[in-house]
Amino acid sequence: MYRVYCSNYYDCRYYYKFSSGSYTVLYNILDTYDLFSVYKNTSVFVADISLNAVVPDAMEQAICHGNIKKSDLYD
């Protein structure tokens, strides 16, 4: 079946193909991110927002995805 990555399962239009992702590219993208800006925040909430802005963007660049048919959501 699918490994769906999104906040609301029924709003998803695609799924990530994790097995065919380029994890070297993903690592290199995340490696360029300045984590000091996350660590210096005293608020866990702000740090979480910072990481949630970077990780999905990196995943979009490094991991292919396929479309989900509506019939696949309801089995």
N, C-alpha and C. Protein backbone atom coordinates (compact mmCIF):
# COMPACT_ATOMS: atom_id res chain seq x y z
N MET A 1 0.84 -1.18 0.00
CA MET A 1 0.00 0.00 0.00
C MET A 1 0.88 1.24 0.00
N TYR A 2 0.34 2.39 0.24
CA TYR A 2 1.04 3.66 0.15
C TYR A 2 1.53 4.13 1.51
N ARG A 3 2.66 4.83 1.50
CA ARG A 3 3.10 5.56 2.69
C ARG A 3 2.78 7.02 2.43
N VAL A 4 1.69 7.46 2.97
CA VAL A 4 1.20 8.81 2.70
C VAL A 4 1.78 9.77 3.73
N TYR A 5 2.31 10.88 3.26
CA TYR A 5 2.89 11.89 4.15
C TYR A 5 2.13 13.19 3.97
N CYS A 6 1.21 13.46 4.85
CA CYS A 6 0.51 14.74 4.88
C CYS A 6 -0.28 14.82 6.17
N SER A 7 -0.74 16.01 6.51
CA SER A 7 -1.40 16.19 7.80
C SER A 7 -2.81 15.62 7.83
N ASN A 8 -3.47 15.62 6.70
CA ASN A 8 -4.84 15.11 6.64
C ASN A 8 -4.91 14.06 5.53
N TYR A 9 -5.05 12.81 5.90
CA TYR A 9 -5.00 11.69 4.96
C TYR A 9 -5.95 11.88 3.78
N TYR A 10 -7.13 12.38 4.02
CA TYR A 10 -8.13 12.47 2.95
C TYR A 10 -7.93 13.66 2.03
N ASP A 11 -7.03 14.58 2.38
CA ASP A 11 -6.72 15.70 1.50
C ASP A 11 -5.51 15.41 0.61
N CYS A 12 -4.88 14.27 0.80
CA CYS A 12 -3.67 13.95 0.05
C CYS A 12 -3.98 13.69 -1.41
N ARG A 13 -3.12 14.16 -2.26
CA ARG A 13 -3.24 13.94 -3.70
C ARG A 13 -2.10 13.06 -4.23
N TYR A 14 -1.08 12.85 -3.42
CA TYR A 14 0.06 12.05 -3.83
C TYR A 14 0.69 11.38 -2.62
N TYR A 15 1.59 10.46 -2.89
CA TYR A 15 2.33 9.78 -1.83
C TYR A 15 3.80 9.78 -2.23
N TYR A 16 4.67 9.73 -1.25
CA TYR A 16 6.10 9.69 -1.52
C TYR A 16 6.53 8.26 -1.81
N LYS A 17 7.40 8.10 -2.80
CA LYS A 17 7.99 6.80 -3.12
C LYS A 17 9.34 6.74 -2.40
N PHE A 18 9.28 6.42 -1.12
CA PHE A 18 10.49 6.45 -0.29
C PHE A 18 11.57 5.49 -0.79
N SER A 19 11.18 4.37 -1.36
CA SER A 19 12.17 3.39 -1.80
C SER A 19 12.99 3.88 -2.99
N SER A 20 12.47 4.84 -3.76
CA SER A 20 13.22 5.34 -4.91
C SER A 20 13.74 6.76 -4.68
N GLY A 21 13.74 7.21 -3.43
CA GLY A 21 14.23 8.55 -3.12
C GLY A 21 15.73 8.65 -3.21
N SER A 22 16.22 9.83 -3.48
CA SER A 22 17.65 10.08 -3.51
C SER A 22 18.06 10.64 -2.15
N TYR A 23 18.48 9.74 -1.28
CA TYR A 23 18.79 10.14 0.09
C TYR A 23 20.10 10.90 0.21
N THR A 24 20.97 10.76 -0.78
CA THR A 24 22.18 11.57 -0.81
C THR A 24 21.81 13.02 -1.06
N VAL A 25 20.89 13.25 -1.99
CA VAL A 25 20.41 14.60 -2.26
C VAL A 25 19.70 15.16 -1.03
N LEU A 26 18.85 14.36 -0.40
CA LEU A 26 18.15 14.79 0.80
C LEU A 26 19.14 15.18 1.89
N TYR A 27 20.14 14.35 2.11
CA TYR A 27 21.17 14.64 3.11
C TYR A 27 21.89 15.95 2.78
N ASN A 28 22.27 16.12 1.51
CA ASN A 28 23.01 17.32 1.12
C ASN A 28 22.16 18.58 1.28
N ILE A 29 20.88 18.49 1.00
CA ILE A 29 19.99 19.65 1.19
C ILE A 29 19.90 19.99 2.68
N LEU A 30 19.66 18.98 3.50
CA LEU A 30 19.54 19.22 4.94
C LEU A 30 20.86 19.64 5.57
N ASP A 31 21.97 19.18 4.99
CA ASP A 31 23.29 19.53 5.50
C ASP A 31 23.59 21.01 5.31
N THR A 32 23.00 21.63 4.31
CA THR A 32 23.24 23.05 4.07
C THR A 32 22.40 23.94 4.98
N TYR A 33 21.42 23.35 5.66
CA TYR A 33 20.55 24.13 6.55
C TYR A 33 21.29 24.48 7.83
N ASP A 34 21.18 25.71 8.26
CA ASP A 34 21.85 26.19 9.47
C ASP A 34 21.02 25.81 10.70
N LEU A 35 21.39 24.72 11.35
CA LEU A 35 20.65 24.27 12.53
C LEU A 35 20.87 25.16 13.74
N PHE A 36 21.89 26.00 13.70
CA PHE A 36 22.11 26.92 14.82
C PHE A 36 20.90 27.82 15.03
N SER A 37 20.25 28.19 13.95
CA SER A 37 19.06 29.04 14.07
C SER A 37 17.93 28.31 14.79
N VAL A 38 17.89 27.00 14.68
CA VAL A 38 16.88 26.22 15.39
C VAL A 38 17.27 26.08 16.86
N TYR A 39 18.54 25.76 17.12
CA TYR A 39 19.00 25.54 18.49
C TYR A 39 18.97 26.79 19.34
N LYS A 40 19.15 27.96 18.73
CA LYS A 40 19.18 29.19 19.52
C LYS A 40 17.80 29.64 19.99
N ASN A 41 16.75 29.08 19.40
CA ASN A 41 15.39 29.43 19.83
C ASN A 41 15.12 28.87 21.22
N THR A 42 14.54 29.67 22.06
CA THR A 42 14.18 29.20 23.40
C THR A 42 12.79 28.57 23.40
N SER A 43 12.08 28.71 22.31
CA SER A 43 10.74 28.15 22.20
C SER A 43 10.76 26.90 21.34
N VAL A 44 10.27 25.81 21.89
CA VAL A 44 10.16 24.57 21.12
C VAL A 44 9.20 24.77 19.96
N PHE A 45 8.17 25.55 20.17
CA PHE A 45 7.18 25.83 19.13
C PHE A 45 7.83 26.48 17.91
N VAL A 46 8.67 27.49 18.14
CA VAL A 46 9.35 28.19 17.04
C VAL A 46 10.35 27.26 16.34
N ALA A 47 11.07 26.46 17.12
CA ALA A 47 12.01 25.51 16.53
C ALA A 47 11.28 24.49 15.67
N ASP A 48 10.13 24.03 16.12
CA ASP A 48 9.32 23.08 15.36
C ASP A 48 8.86 23.68 14.04
N ILE A 49 8.44 24.92 14.08
CA ILE A 49 8.01 25.60 12.86
C ILE A 49 9.18 25.72 11.88
N SER A 50 10.36 26.03 12.39
CA SER A 50 11.54 26.15 11.53
C SER A 50 11.86 24.85 10.82
N LEU A 51 11.85 23.75 11.57
CA LEU A 51 12.14 22.45 10.96
C LEU A 51 11.04 22.01 10.00
N ASN A 52 9.80 22.30 10.36
CA ASN A 52 8.69 21.92 9.48
C ASN A 52 8.67 22.73 8.19
N ALA A 53 9.38 23.82 8.14
CA ALA A 53 9.48 24.58 6.90
C ALA A 53 10.55 23.99 5.98
N VAL A 54 11.57 23.38 6.56
CA VAL A 54 12.71 22.90 5.78
C VAL A 54 12.53 21.45 5.31
N VAL A 55 12.13 20.57 6.20
CA VAL A 55 12.10 19.14 5.89
C VAL A 55 11.15 18.80 4.73
N PRO A 56 9.91 19.27 4.72
CA PRO A 56 9.04 18.94 3.58
C PRO A 56 9.57 19.46 2.25
N ASP A 57 10.19 20.64 2.26
CA ASP A 57 10.76 21.18 1.03
C ASP A 57 11.90 20.30 0.53
N ALA A 58 12.74 19.85 1.44
CA ALA A 58 13.84 18.95 1.07
C ALA A 58 13.30 17.63 0.54
N MET A 59 12.25 17.11 1.16
CA MET A 59 11.64 15.86 0.69
C MET A 59 11.08 16.03 -0.73
N GLU A 60 10.47 17.17 -1.01
CA GLU A 60 9.93 17.43 -2.35
C GLU A 60 11.02 17.37 -3.41
N GLN A 61 12.21 17.84 -3.06
CA GLN A 61 13.31 17.88 -4.01
C GLN A 61 13.99 16.53 -4.19
N ALA A 62 13.98 15.70 -3.15
CA ALA A 62 14.79 14.49 -3.18
C ALA A 62 14.00 13.19 -3.33
N ILE A 63 12.71 13.22 -3.04
CA ILE A 63 11.93 11.99 -3.05
C ILE A 63 10.78 12.12 -4.05
N CYS A 64 10.74 11.22 -5.01
CA CYS A 64 9.67 11.24 -6.02
C CYS A 64 8.34 10.90 -5.37
N HIS A 65 7.26 11.29 -6.03
CA HIS A 65 5.95 10.90 -5.52
C HIS A 65 5.04 10.49 -6.66
N GLY A 66 4.03 9.74 -6.30
CA GLY A 66 3.03 9.28 -7.27
C GLY A 66 1.66 9.79 -6.86
N ASN A 67 0.76 9.80 -7.79
CA ASN A 67 -0.60 10.28 -7.54
C ASN A 67 -1.45 9.21 -6.87
N ILE A 68 -2.33 9.63 -6.00
CA ILE A 68 -3.27 8.73 -5.36
C ILE A 68 -4.61 8.86 -6.04
N LYS A 69 -5.17 7.73 -6.43
CA LYS A 69 -6.52 7.74 -6.98
C LYS A 69 -7.50 7.74 -5.82
N LYS A 70 -8.61 8.41 -5.97
CA LYS A 70 -9.60 8.51 -4.90
C LYS A 70 -10.03 7.12 -4.43
N SER A 71 -10.11 6.17 -5.34
CA SER A 71 -10.53 4.83 -4.97
C SER A 71 -9.52 4.15 -4.03
N ASP A 72 -8.26 4.59 -4.05
CA ASP A 72 -7.24 4.01 -3.18
C ASP A 72 -7.39 4.46 -1.73
N LEU A 73 -8.09 5.57 -1.51
CA LEU A 73 -8.23 6.08 -0.15
C LEU A 73 -9.28 5.33 0.64
N TYR A 74 -10.22 4.74 -0.04
CA TYR A 74 -11.32 4.07 0.65
C TYR A 74 -11.29 2.59 0.31
N ASP A 75 -10.69 1.79 1.17
CA ASP A 75 -10.68 0.34 0.89
C ASP A 75 -11.38 -0.43 1.96
